[in-house]
Amino acid sequence: MMGARSGALAFLASASALMLAGTALAGGDPERGAAIFARSSCQGCHGVGAMGETSPPLVGPTWKHGGDPESIARNIRQGFMPLMLPKGGENLSDQEIDDIVAWLKDREARLTPEERVRAVRNTPQGPPPGVVHSAVEDFRVERVAQVGQPYAFDFLPDGNILIAETGGALRMVDHGRLLPEPIAGAPVGDISGMKQWFRRGTLSVAVHPQYRDNGWVYLLTARALAVPAPNQSSIIATIHRGRIREGRWIEDLAIAEFPVETTDSLRMKFDAKGLLHVGTPSSNKDYDGTGEDEPAQDLTRPEGKILRFRDDGGVPADNPFVGQAGAFPYVWSYGHREPSGLTFDDKGELWNVEDGPRGGDELNHVRKGRNYGWPVITWGHRYDAVPVPSYTARSGLEQPVASWVPSPALSDVEYYGGTAFPRWRGSFFIGSMKQRDLFRVTVDDDRATLVETVLHNVDRLRDIATGPDGLIYILTDSGDLLRLVPATSRRR
């Protein structure tokens, strides 16, 4: 993860707007700019030479907010996606910004033909046109709606879609049309005082499985504590329950609150019984071969866990650590790093995906009371490349069903049990952010038997779900709500 200096540079480039043009700002020094870029961790996201890594390249071929030197400098000062990123200009002087811009423009002017090809390859390409051929199903990708910076979505029984934007807006797609106004009065979080790079105030949204009877919708928000208690995380997550009537959120009730370390990955998912599961991150500590005393391994704390709630915020009586002295009673499983995606299979059993450190991204079959290892074991590596003892297994700690090295930065997982794609039934669909791919994984007896790349380099894929129509829907960080439609379908 990048530091604050690199925040404003993230996501400047995309395949949607102006070509790089113009000359460097007066007074900018390319040699100084190269050094600033490297030491400020910018290249950790945009890659060595700004050629693209987790985020798109900063040397073209296209830019979203303008590629002339003045626009680049302005974008660094102002920052983009501010609800995720601290403003980049707060830690860079005007001279340093001019130096970075001068270096970027100098880099662009000196790109070799091979580097230009690489820059194009590292730029998100968006939804592919025409028919896409996978191993067993052919399909097309359709754009349903475009919203602001999103985190999650869920379906109402009538097929309408609720989309949570990180800035606080709760949007509705009504029979394929995005309503122009957000849901009025929906609860929002507060990013003021958050120190980490990803700053999200509003995160997950979940519709109660008995919505037709009770009308309940759940929203997960976050806010920073002004003065955290000793040994407590500085952010509080809140689960809200309410109803939507005539475009307004009503009867809001905060049913549960708990501390979290970051807002990197907070996902809610209901099981068929109406019990709510929430994944909480614990990724602040880098791997060093130890970790038994870290939050993810500490049963008294909610961080690095999958939590399980009743729909009124109460503790289910059959949670595994109920009655254990000092244990946080909502814990269902522990030893998770960033459990960013949750899903349930056709037997009602829980699965998750989570990010590892520079590798070790995982698909896990999550069982009651089990320990999934972080940060005691991992298949990943330290970001700073400091050599440490490597432990990938230990007695009593669970192994992943599938693991990815290097890391594609997994974001969400959906078990497909729909009817629109019969040969995909029983598969897991997994989105990625760094690699911008959609994977299909088949599993037999908790062993991955196939990992197929269904879509490549589309965009940072944030959330995945199956609609009531049996189609697979995908939400991207750019705000595109997409769906996969059988190639023979005539729907529009």
Protein backbone atom coordinates (compact mmCIF):
# COMPACT_ATOMS: atom_id res chain seq x y z
CA MET A 1 0.00 0.00 0.00
CA MET A 2 1.22 3.49 -0.83
CA GLY A 3 1.84 6.37 1.52
CA ALA A 4 0.15 9.77 1.42
CA ARG A 5 2.66 11.26 -1.03
CA SER A 6 1.63 8.86 -3.75
CA GLY A 7 -2.07 9.25 -3.14
CA ALA A 8 -2.77 12.08 -5.54
CA LEU A 9 -0.88 10.40 -8.36
CA ALA A 10 -3.00 7.27 -8.10
CA PHE A 11 -5.69 6.81 -10.71
CA LEU A 12 -4.73 9.91 -12.75
CA ALA A 13 -4.35 7.78 -15.86
CA SER A 14 -7.09 5.76 -17.53
CA ALA A 15 -8.18 4.85 -21.02
CA SER A 16 -10.74 7.60 -21.33
CA ALA A 17 -9.39 11.03 -22.20
CA LEU A 18 -6.56 13.28 -23.37
CA MET A 19 -3.23 12.32 -24.87
CA LEU A 20 -0.08 13.48 -23.13
CA ALA A 21 1.00 16.82 -24.58
CA GLY A 22 2.99 19.96 -23.89
CA THR A 23 6.27 20.60 -22.18
CA ALA A 24 7.37 20.42 -18.57
CA LEU A 25 6.59 23.24 -16.16
CA ALA A 26 9.20 25.94 -15.95
CA GLY A 27 11.58 25.32 -13.08
CA GLY A 28 10.96 21.59 -12.86
CA ASP A 29 14.00 19.34 -12.74
CA PRO A 30 13.48 15.82 -14.18
CA GLU A 31 16.40 14.29 -12.28
CA ARG A 32 15.07 15.54 -8.94
CA GLY A 33 11.57 14.44 -9.96
CA ALA A 34 12.72 10.88 -10.60
CA ALA A 35 14.24 10.68 -7.11
CA ILE A 36 11.13 12.14 -5.46
CA PHE A 37 8.86 9.74 -7.33
CA ALA A 38 10.87 6.72 -6.24
CA ARG A 39 11.37 7.63 -2.57
CA SER A 40 7.77 8.78 -2.04
CA SER A 41 6.44 5.27 -2.75
CA CYS A 42 4.61 6.49 -5.87
CA GLN A 43 6.30 3.79 -7.88
CA GLY A 44 4.95 1.16 -5.50
CA CYS A 45 1.56 1.75 -7.10
CA HIS A 46 2.40 3.09 -10.56
CA GLY A 47 5.49 0.96 -11.08
CA VAL A 48 9.15 1.61 -11.80
CA GLY A 49 9.41 4.33 -14.40
CA ALA A 50 5.69 5.14 -13.89
CA MET A 51 4.86 2.33 -16.32
CA GLY A 52 1.86 1.05 -14.36
CA GLU A 53 1.50 -1.48 -11.56
CA THR A 54 -1.44 -1.50 -9.14
CA SER A 55 -2.63 1.72 -10.78
CA PRO A 56 -2.37 2.78 -14.45
CA PRO A 57 0.79 4.22 -16.03
CA LEU A 58 1.58 7.91 -15.60
CA VAL A 59 3.36 8.23 -18.95
CA GLY A 60 0.37 7.84 -21.23
CA PRO A 61 -1.00 6.94 -23.59
CA THR A 62 -4.18 8.54 -22.23
CA TRP A 63 -5.24 10.53 -19.18
CA LYS A 64 -8.53 10.98 -17.42
CA HIS A 65 -8.03 14.49 -16.00
CA GLY A 66 -5.76 16.04 -18.62
CA GLY A 67 -2.21 15.14 -19.61
CA ASP A 68 -0.70 18.60 -20.09
CA PRO A 69 1.84 19.67 -17.42
CA GLU A 70 -0.46 22.22 -15.80
CA SER A 71 -3.27 19.65 -15.44
CA ILE A 72 -0.93 17.04 -13.98
CA ALA A 73 0.42 19.51 -11.42
CA ARG A 74 -3.09 20.62 -10.50
CA ASN A 75 -4.21 17.02 -10.13
CA ILE A 76 -1.32 16.22 -7.79
CA ARG A 77 -2.18 19.22 -5.61
CA GLN A 78 -5.90 18.58 -5.52
CA GLY A 79 -5.93 14.82 -5.46
CA PHE A 80 -8.60 12.63 -6.99
CA MET A 81 -10.91 10.13 -5.35
CA PRO A 82 -10.36 12.09 -2.10
CA LEU A 83 -12.62 9.81 -0.11
CA MET A 84 -10.07 7.06 -0.71
CA LEU A 85 -6.85 9.01 -0.82
CA PRO A 86 -5.35 11.78 1.27
CA LYS A 87 -4.64 14.83 -0.87
CA GLY A 88 -1.25 14.32 -2.42
CA GLY A 89 -0.27 17.95 -2.29
CA GLU A 90 -0.23 18.04 1.50
CA ASN A 91 3.18 16.38 1.64
CA LEU A 92 4.75 17.76 -1.54
CA SER A 93 6.06 21.28 -2.02
CA ASP A 94 5.26 23.19 -5.20
CA GLN A 95 8.83 22.67 -6.34
CA GLU A 96 8.65 18.91 -5.74
CA ILE A 97 5.41 18.72 -7.72
CA ASP A 98 6.99 20.65 -10.60
CA ASP A 99 9.97 18.29 -10.48
CA ILE A 100 7.74 15.20 -10.69
CA VAL A 101 5.78 16.67 -13.61
CA ALA A 102 9.01 17.53 -15.42
CA TRP A 103 10.24 13.97 -14.97
CA LEU A 104 6.94 12.44 -16.14
CA LYS A 105 6.96 14.56 -19.28
CA ASP A 106 10.62 13.76 -19.90
CA ARG A 107 9.87 10.04 -19.43
CA GLU A 108 6.99 10.21 -21.87
CA ALA A 109 9.11 11.93 -24.51
CA ARG A 110 11.82 9.26 -24.22
CA LEU A 111 9.65 6.14 -24.20
CA THR A 112 10.86 3.41 -26.51
CA PRO A 113 8.33 1.70 -28.81
CA GLU A 114 8.44 -1.30 -26.50
CA GLU A 115 7.66 0.88 -23.46
CA ARG A 116 4.75 2.50 -25.27
CA VAL A 117 3.30 -0.94 -25.94
CA ARG A 118 3.78 -1.81 -22.27
CA ALA A 119 2.06 1.41 -21.17
CA VAL A 120 -0.94 0.55 -23.33
CA ARG A 121 -0.98 -2.97 -21.93
CA ASN A 122 -0.96 -1.63 -18.34
CA THR A 123 -3.85 0.76 -18.99
CA PRO A 124 -7.33 -0.63 -18.13
CA GLN A 125 -9.13 -1.46 -21.36
CA GLY A 126 -12.71 -1.42 -20.09
CA PRO A 127 -15.43 -3.92 -21.03
CA PRO A 128 -14.52 -5.94 -24.13
CA PRO A 129 -16.73 -5.49 -27.19
CA GLY A 130 -18.53 -8.37 -28.83
CA VAL A 131 -18.62 -11.99 -27.73
CA VAL A 132 -16.12 -13.25 -25.15
CA HIS A 133 -15.18 -16.93 -25.35
CA SER A 134 -14.36 -18.74 -22.10
CA ALA A 135 -13.65 -22.41 -21.50
CA VAL A 136 -17.30 -23.50 -21.32
CA GLU A 137 -19.54 -20.42 -21.82
CA ASP A 138 -19.63 -17.58 -24.33
CA PHE A 139 -20.93 -14.23 -23.17
CA ARG A 140 -21.12 -10.48 -23.76
CA VAL A 141 -20.45 -7.68 -21.29
CA GLU A 142 -23.10 -4.97 -20.93
CA ARG A 143 -22.90 -1.70 -19.05
CA VAL A 144 -25.95 -1.25 -16.81
CA ALA A 145 -25.17 2.03 -15.05
CA GLN A 146 -22.41 4.48 -14.13
CA VAL A 147 -22.12 5.83 -10.58
CA GLY A 148 -19.57 7.64 -8.41
CA GLN A 149 -16.72 5.92 -6.56
CA PRO A 150 -18.47 2.72 -5.36
CA TYR A 151 -17.75 -0.05 -2.88
CA ALA A 152 -20.65 -2.52 -2.93
CA PHE A 153 -24.09 -3.33 -4.31
CA ASP A 154 -26.98 -5.66 -3.58
CA PHE A 155 -30.27 -6.64 -5.16
CA LEU A 156 -33.80 -5.99 -4.00
CA PRO A 157 -36.23 -8.86 -4.68
CA ASP A 158 -37.75 -7.02 -7.67
CA GLY A 159 -34.36 -6.83 -9.37
CA ASN A 160 -33.67 -3.20 -8.48
CA ILE A 161 -30.10 -2.58 -7.35
CA LEU A 162 -28.72 -0.59 -4.41
CA ILE A 163 -25.16 0.74 -4.85
CA ALA A 164 -23.12 2.21 -1.97
CA GLU A 165 -20.68 4.95 -2.94
CA THR A 166 -17.73 5.56 -0.63
CA GLY A 167 -18.64 9.24 -0.41
CA GLY A 168 -21.88 8.35 1.33
CA ALA A 169 -24.46 8.26 -1.44
CA LEU A 170 -26.75 5.24 -1.64
CA ARG A 171 -27.93 4.95 -5.26
CA MET A 172 -30.69 2.88 -6.82
CA VAL A 173 -30.87 1.36 -10.28
CA ASP A 174 -34.60 1.03 -10.98
CA HIS A 175 -35.37 -1.49 -13.73
CA GLY A 176 -32.10 -0.73 -15.50
CA ARG A 177 -32.20 3.06 -15.01
CA LEU A 178 -30.02 4.86 -12.47
CA LEU A 179 -32.24 7.21 -10.49
CA PRO A 180 -30.81 10.75 -10.67
CA GLU A 181 -31.00 11.39 -6.93
CA PRO A 182 -29.46 9.24 -4.19
CA ILE A 183 -31.56 7.78 -1.38
CA ALA A 184 -32.19 10.76 0.90
CA GLY A 185 -31.18 10.45 4.54
CA ALA A 186 -29.03 7.33 4.15
CA PRO A 187 -26.39 7.15 6.91
CA VAL A 188 -22.86 8.18 5.99
CA GLY A 189 -19.50 7.79 7.65
CA ASP A 190 -16.82 10.39 8.25
CA ILE A 191 -13.29 10.19 6.85
CA SER A 192 -12.07 13.18 8.88
CA GLY A 193 -9.11 12.12 10.97
CA MET A 194 -8.46 8.86 9.10
CA LYS A 195 -4.73 8.44 8.57
CA GLN A 196 -4.50 5.53 6.14
CA TRP A 197 -4.35 5.77 2.38
CA PHE A 198 -7.77 4.24 1.64
CA ARG A 199 -10.25 6.44 3.48
CA ARG A 200 -13.84 5.25 3.09
CA GLY A 201 -16.81 6.56 5.04
CA THR A 202 -19.47 4.30 3.50
CA LEU A 203 -18.77 0.72 2.55
CA SER A 204 -20.98 -2.31 2.27
CA VAL A 205 -24.72 -2.58 1.64
CA ALA A 206 -26.77 -5.73 2.23
CA VAL A 207 -30.45 -6.50 1.72
CA HIS A 208 -32.10 -8.78 4.28
CA PRO A 209 -33.03 -12.17 2.77
CA GLN A 210 -36.56 -11.73 4.16
CA TYR A 211 -36.84 -8.23 2.71
CA ARG A 212 -40.32 -8.87 1.31
CA ASP A 213 -41.53 -9.35 4.87
CA ASN A 214 -39.47 -6.80 6.82
CA GLY A 215 -38.10 -4.27 4.28
CA TRP A 216 -34.72 -4.05 6.03
CA VAL A 217 -31.59 -2.78 4.33
CA TYR A 218 -28.19 -2.67 6.05
CA LEU A 219 -25.37 -0.16 5.54
CA LEU A 220 -21.84 -0.31 6.95
CA THR A 221 -20.15 3.03 7.66
CA ALA A 222 -16.90 4.08 9.34
CA ARG A 223 -15.59 7.08 11.27
CA ALA A 224 -12.31 7.92 13.00
CA LEU A 225 -12.05 8.26 16.77
CA ALA A 226 -10.60 11.55 17.97
CA VAL A 227 -8.90 9.85 20.93
CA PRO A 228 -8.70 6.04 20.64
CA ALA A 229 -8.54 4.02 23.82
CA PRO A 230 -5.19 2.40 24.66
CA ASN A 231 -4.46 -0.57 22.37
CA GLN A 232 -7.63 0.12 20.38
CA SER A 233 -7.88 0.75 16.65
CA SER A 234 -8.64 4.33 15.65
CA ILE A 235 -11.65 3.66 13.40
CA ILE A 236 -15.16 2.60 14.42
CA ALA A 237 -17.36 0.65 12.01
CA THR A 238 -21.13 0.93 12.42
CA ILE A 239 -23.82 -1.36 11.04
CA HIS A 240 -27.03 0.57 10.30
CA ARG A 241 -30.45 -0.95 9.69
CA GLY A 242 -33.25 0.96 8.01
CA ARG A 243 -35.98 0.95 5.38
CA ILE A 244 -36.38 2.79 2.10
CA ARG A 245 -39.68 4.50 1.44
CA GLU A 246 -40.37 6.82 -1.51
CA GLY A 247 -36.69 7.46 -2.07
CA ARG A 248 -35.84 8.10 1.59
CA TRP A 249 -33.99 6.13 4.24
CA ILE A 250 -36.19 5.86 7.33
CA GLU A 251 -36.18 4.19 10.75
CA ASP A 252 -32.39 4.24 10.93
CA LEU A 253 -30.94 2.22 13.79
CA ALA A 254 -27.25 1.60 14.56
CA ILE A 255 -27.41 -2.05 15.57
CA ALA A 256 -23.69 -2.71 16.16
CA GLU A 257 -20.33 -0.93 16.41
CA PHE A 258 -16.79 -2.28 16.58
CA PRO A 259 -13.23 -0.96 16.04
CA VAL A 260 -11.24 -1.69 12.88
CA GLU A 261 -7.68 -0.91 11.85
CA THR A 262 -8.44 0.30 8.32
CA THR A 263 -11.26 0.64 5.82
CA ASP A 264 -9.42 -1.43 3.23
CA SER A 265 -11.87 -4.34 3.26
CA LEU A 266 -15.17 -4.36 5.11
CA ARG A 267 -17.77 -6.54 3.43
CA MET A 268 -21.20 -7.66 4.71
CA LYS A 269 -23.09 -10.72 3.52
CA PHE A 270 -26.28 -12.42 4.78
CA ASP A 271 -26.67 -16.16 4.89
CA ALA A 272 -30.01 -17.80 4.08
CA LYS A 273 -30.97 -17.87 7.78
CA GLY A 274 -30.75 -14.09 8.06
CA LEU A 275 -27.45 -14.00 9.97
CA LEU A 276 -25.09 -11.21 8.93
CA HIS A 277 -21.39 -11.89 8.33
CA VAL A 278 -18.80 -9.09 8.22
CA GLY A 279 -15.13 -9.37 7.26
CA THR A 280 -12.76 -7.04 9.11
CA PRO A 281 -9.16 -6.23 8.03
CA SER A 282 -5.96 -6.55 10.02
CA SER A 283 -3.21 -5.60 7.59
CA ASN A 284 -1.18 -2.90 9.36
CA LYS A 285 1.53 -5.29 10.46
CA ASP A 286 3.96 -6.59 7.87
CA TYR A 287 4.88 -10.26 8.05
CA ASP A 288 7.93 -11.05 10.18
CA GLY A 289 7.51 -14.73 10.97
CA THR A 290 5.75 -14.11 14.28
CA GLY A 291 2.38 -12.61 15.10
CA GLU A 292 0.60 -14.64 17.76
CA ASP A 293 -0.10 -11.45 19.75
CA GLU A 294 -1.35 -9.40 16.79
CA PRO A 295 -5.02 -8.33 16.52
CA ALA A 296 -5.97 -10.97 13.95
CA GLN A 297 -4.87 -13.68 16.39
CA ASP A 298 -6.35 -12.01 19.47
CA LEU A 299 -9.85 -13.32 20.20
CA THR A 300 -10.61 -10.33 22.41
CA ARG A 301 -10.47 -8.01 19.39
CA PRO A 302 -12.68 -7.81 16.27
CA GLU A 303 -9.91 -6.97 13.78
CA GLY A 304 -8.76 -9.62 11.30
CA LYS A 305 -11.90 -11.67 11.78
CA ILE A 306 -15.13 -12.69 10.16
CA LEU A 307 -17.87 -11.59 12.54
CA ARG A 308 -21.38 -13.05 12.73
CA PHE A 309 -24.41 -11.05 13.92
CA ARG A 310 -28.09 -11.57 14.35
CA ASP A 311 -30.13 -9.25 12.15
CA ASP A 312 -30.89 -7.05 15.18
CA GLY A 313 -27.19 -6.75 16.07
CA GLY A 314 -27.31 -9.38 18.80
CA VAL A 315 -24.90 -12.27 19.32
CA PRO A 316 -25.97 -15.62 17.81
CA ALA A 317 -25.99 -18.19 20.60
CA ASP A 318 -24.04 -20.70 18.50
CA ASN A 319 -21.09 -18.43 17.70
CA PRO A 320 -17.95 -20.44 18.52
CA PHE A 321 -16.49 -18.25 21.27
CA VAL A 322 -19.65 -17.29 23.13
CA GLY A 323 -18.98 -17.79 26.82
CA GLN A 324 -15.20 -17.84 26.48
CA ALA A 325 -13.77 -15.36 28.95
CA GLY A 326 -12.71 -12.12 27.28
CA ALA A 327 -13.46 -13.25 23.74
CA PHE A 328 -15.28 -10.90 21.38
CA PRO A 329 -18.53 -12.84 21.08
CA TYR A 330 -19.24 -12.05 17.42
CA VAL A 331 -16.10 -13.85 16.14
CA TRP A 332 -16.89 -16.64 13.67
CA SER A 333 -13.34 -17.19 12.36
CA TYR A 334 -10.00 -15.43 12.82
CA GLY A 335 -6.48 -15.01 11.47
CA HIS A 336 -7.67 -13.07 8.42
CA ARG A 337 -5.63 -10.29 6.79
CA GLU A 338 -8.03 -8.51 4.45
CA PRO A 339 -11.21 -10.58 4.00
CA SER A 340 -12.53 -8.39 1.21
CA GLY A 341 -15.04 -10.82 -0.28
CA LEU A 342 -17.64 -13.19 1.20
CA THR A 343 -20.04 -15.66 -0.43
CA PHE A 344 -22.12 -18.72 0.41
CA ASP A 345 -22.20 -21.93 -1.63
CA ASP A 346 -25.25 -24.06 -2.43
CA LYS A 347 -24.88 -25.83 0.93
CA GLY A 348 -24.97 -22.55 2.81
CA GLU A 349 -21.28 -22.71 3.73
CA LEU A 350 -19.14 -19.56 3.87
CA TRP A 351 -16.19 -18.79 1.59
CA ASN A 352 -13.97 -15.74 1.41
CA VAL A 353 -11.16 -14.15 -0.55
CA GLU A 354 -8.49 -11.98 1.02
CA ASP A 355 -5.32 -10.16 0.08
CA GLY A 356 -1.90 -11.28 1.19
CA PRO A 357 1.26 -9.15 1.32
CA ARG A 358 2.90 -9.17 -2.14
CA GLY A 359 1.44 -12.57 -2.89
CA GLY A 360 -0.49 -15.04 -0.83
CA ASP A 361 -3.94 -13.86 -1.93
CA GLU A 362 -6.35 -16.59 -0.88
CA LEU A 363 -9.65 -18.33 -1.48
CA ASN A 364 -10.74 -19.89 1.82
CA HIS A 365 -13.49 -22.27 2.89
CA VAL A 366 -14.41 -20.54 6.15
CA ARG A 367 -15.54 -22.80 8.97
CA LYS A 368 -16.75 -22.10 12.44
CA GLY A 369 -14.00 -21.19 14.92
CA ARG A 370 -11.09 -21.91 12.55
CA ASN A 371 -7.82 -19.93 12.46
CA TYR A 372 -6.67 -18.87 8.98
CA GLY A 373 -3.16 -17.97 9.99
CA TRP A 374 -2.43 -14.27 9.50
CA PRO A 375 0.16 -13.03 10.44
CA VAL A 376 1.68 -16.28 11.73
CA ILE A 377 1.76 -17.94 8.31
CA THR A 378 1.44 -16.59 4.77
CA TRP A 379 2.33 -17.43 1.18
CA GLY A 380 3.13 -13.74 0.61
CA HIS A 381 6.22 -11.60 1.10
CA ARG A 382 7.15 -8.35 2.82
CA TYR A 383 6.68 -5.14 0.85
CA ASP A 384 10.12 -3.89 1.84
CA ALA A 385 11.83 -7.16 0.82
CA VAL A 386 13.48 -7.51 4.26
CA PRO A 387 14.45 -11.18 4.59
CA VAL A 388 12.56 -12.96 7.37
CA PRO A 389 11.88 -16.60 8.21
CA SER A 390 9.12 -17.90 5.94
CA TYR A 391 6.32 -19.94 7.46
CA THR A 392 3.61 -21.17 5.10
CA ALA A 393 2.08 -23.81 7.36
CA ARG A 394 1.67 -24.60 11.02
CA SER A 395 -0.34 -27.18 12.91
CA GLY A 396 -3.84 -25.94 13.72
CA LEU A 397 -3.83 -23.19 11.07
CA GLU A 398 -5.94 -23.49 7.93
CA GLN A 399 -4.54 -23.59 4.41
CA PRO A 400 -6.22 -21.76 1.52
CA VAL A 401 -8.17 -23.65 -1.12
CA ALA A 402 -6.37 -21.56 -3.75
CA SER A 403 -3.48 -19.11 -3.46
CA TRP A 404 -2.09 -16.52 -5.89
CA VAL A 405 1.59 -15.52 -6.14
CA PRO A 406 2.24 -12.83 -7.27
CA SER A 407 -0.78 -11.06 -5.88
CA PRO A 408 -3.58 -9.92 -8.24
CA ALA A 409 -5.18 -8.05 -5.26
CA LEU A 410 -8.42 -10.01 -4.88
CA SER A 411 -11.51 -7.98 -4.10
CA ASP A 412 -14.67 -10.10 -3.98
CA VAL A 413 -15.97 -13.60 -4.61
CA GLU A 414 -19.33 -14.91 -5.79
CA TYR A 415 -20.48 -18.52 -5.82
CA TYR A 416 -22.52 -18.98 -8.98
CA GLY A 417 -25.69 -21.03 -8.67
CA GLY A 418 -27.75 -19.26 -11.32
CA THR A 419 -29.45 -20.62 -14.41
CA ALA A 420 -28.30 -18.19 -17.13
CA PHE A 421 -24.93 -19.97 -17.46
CA PRO A 422 -25.61 -23.66 -16.67
CA ARG A 423 -22.00 -24.78 -17.30
CA TRP A 424 -20.75 -22.23 -14.79
CA ARG A 425 -22.92 -23.51 -11.95
CA GLY A 426 -20.86 -24.39 -8.90
CA SER A 427 -17.97 -22.10 -9.88
CA PHE A 428 -16.52 -19.24 -7.84
CA PHE A 429 -16.07 -15.91 -9.62
CA ILE A 430 -13.31 -13.77 -8.13
CA GLY A 431 -12.46 -10.17 -8.99
CA SER A 432 -9.07 -8.50 -8.77
CA MET A 433 -7.90 -4.90 -8.53
CA LYS A 434 -4.20 -4.83 -9.36
CA GLN A 435 -4.52 -7.33 -12.19
CA ARG A 436 -8.02 -6.08 -13.14
CA ASP A 437 -9.10 -9.63 -14.04
CA LEU A 438 -12.13 -11.80 -13.37
CA PHE A 439 -11.24 -15.38 -12.45
CA ARG A 440 -13.41 -18.49 -12.46
CA VAL A 441 -12.34 -21.15 -9.96
CA THR A 442 -13.73 -24.67 -9.65
CA VAL A 443 -13.24 -26.63 -6.44
CA ASP A 444 -13.45 -30.30 -5.54
CA ASP A 445 -13.07 -31.43 -1.93
CA ASP A 446 -11.51 -28.08 -0.94
CA ARG A 447 -8.94 -28.27 -3.72
CA ALA A 448 -8.95 -25.83 -6.63
CA THR A 449 -9.24 -27.84 -9.84
CA LEU A 450 -9.29 -24.96 -12.34
CA VAL A 451 -8.39 -21.27 -12.29
CA GLU A 452 -9.54 -19.57 -15.50
CA THR A 453 -9.17 -15.90 -16.44
CA VAL A 454 -12.61 -15.04 -17.79
CA LEU A 455 -11.98 -11.29 -18.28
CA HIS A 456 -8.59 -9.57 -18.47
CA ASN A 457 -7.54 -5.97 -17.73
CA VAL A 458 -11.06 -4.57 -17.62
CA ASP A 459 -10.80 -2.31 -14.56
CA ARG A 460 -10.34 -2.63 -10.83
CA LEU A 461 -13.19 -5.03 -10.00
CA ARG A 462 -14.71 -4.16 -6.64
CA ASP A 463 -17.87 -6.27 -6.10
CA ILE A 464 -19.57 -9.25 -7.75
CA ALA A 465 -23.08 -10.69 -7.31
CA THR A 466 -25.65 -12.86 -9.07
CA GLY A 467 -28.87 -11.07 -9.94
CA PRO A 468 -32.39 -12.46 -9.62
CA ASP A 469 -32.20 -12.91 -13.41
CA GLY A 470 -29.29 -15.35 -13.01
CA LEU A 471 -26.79 -12.98 -14.64
CA ILE A 472 -23.43 -12.10 -13.10
CA TYR A 473 -23.05 -8.41 -12.19
CA ILE A 474 -19.72 -6.66 -11.56
CA LEU A 475 -19.02 -3.26 -10.01
CA THR A 476 -15.77 -1.50 -10.90
CA ASP A 477 -13.82 1.17 -9.03
CA SER A 478 -14.53 3.53 -11.93
CA GLY A 479 -18.25 3.26 -11.15
CA ASP A 480 -19.32 0.95 -13.97
CA LEU A 481 -22.01 -1.59 -13.11
CA LEU A 482 -21.52 -4.35 -15.68
CA ARG A 483 -23.26 -7.65 -16.30
CA LEU A 484 -22.33 -10.82 -18.14
CA VAL A 485 -25.04 -11.93 -20.57
CA PRO A 486 -25.10 -15.22 -22.53
CA ALA A 487 -23.85 -14.65 -26.07
CA THR A 488 -27.12 -15.92 -27.52
CA SER A 489 -29.25 -13.59 -25.37
CA ARG A 490 -31.13 -10.78 -27.13
CA ARG A 491 -31.79 -8.69 -24.04
CA ARG A 492 -30.67 -5.06 -24.06
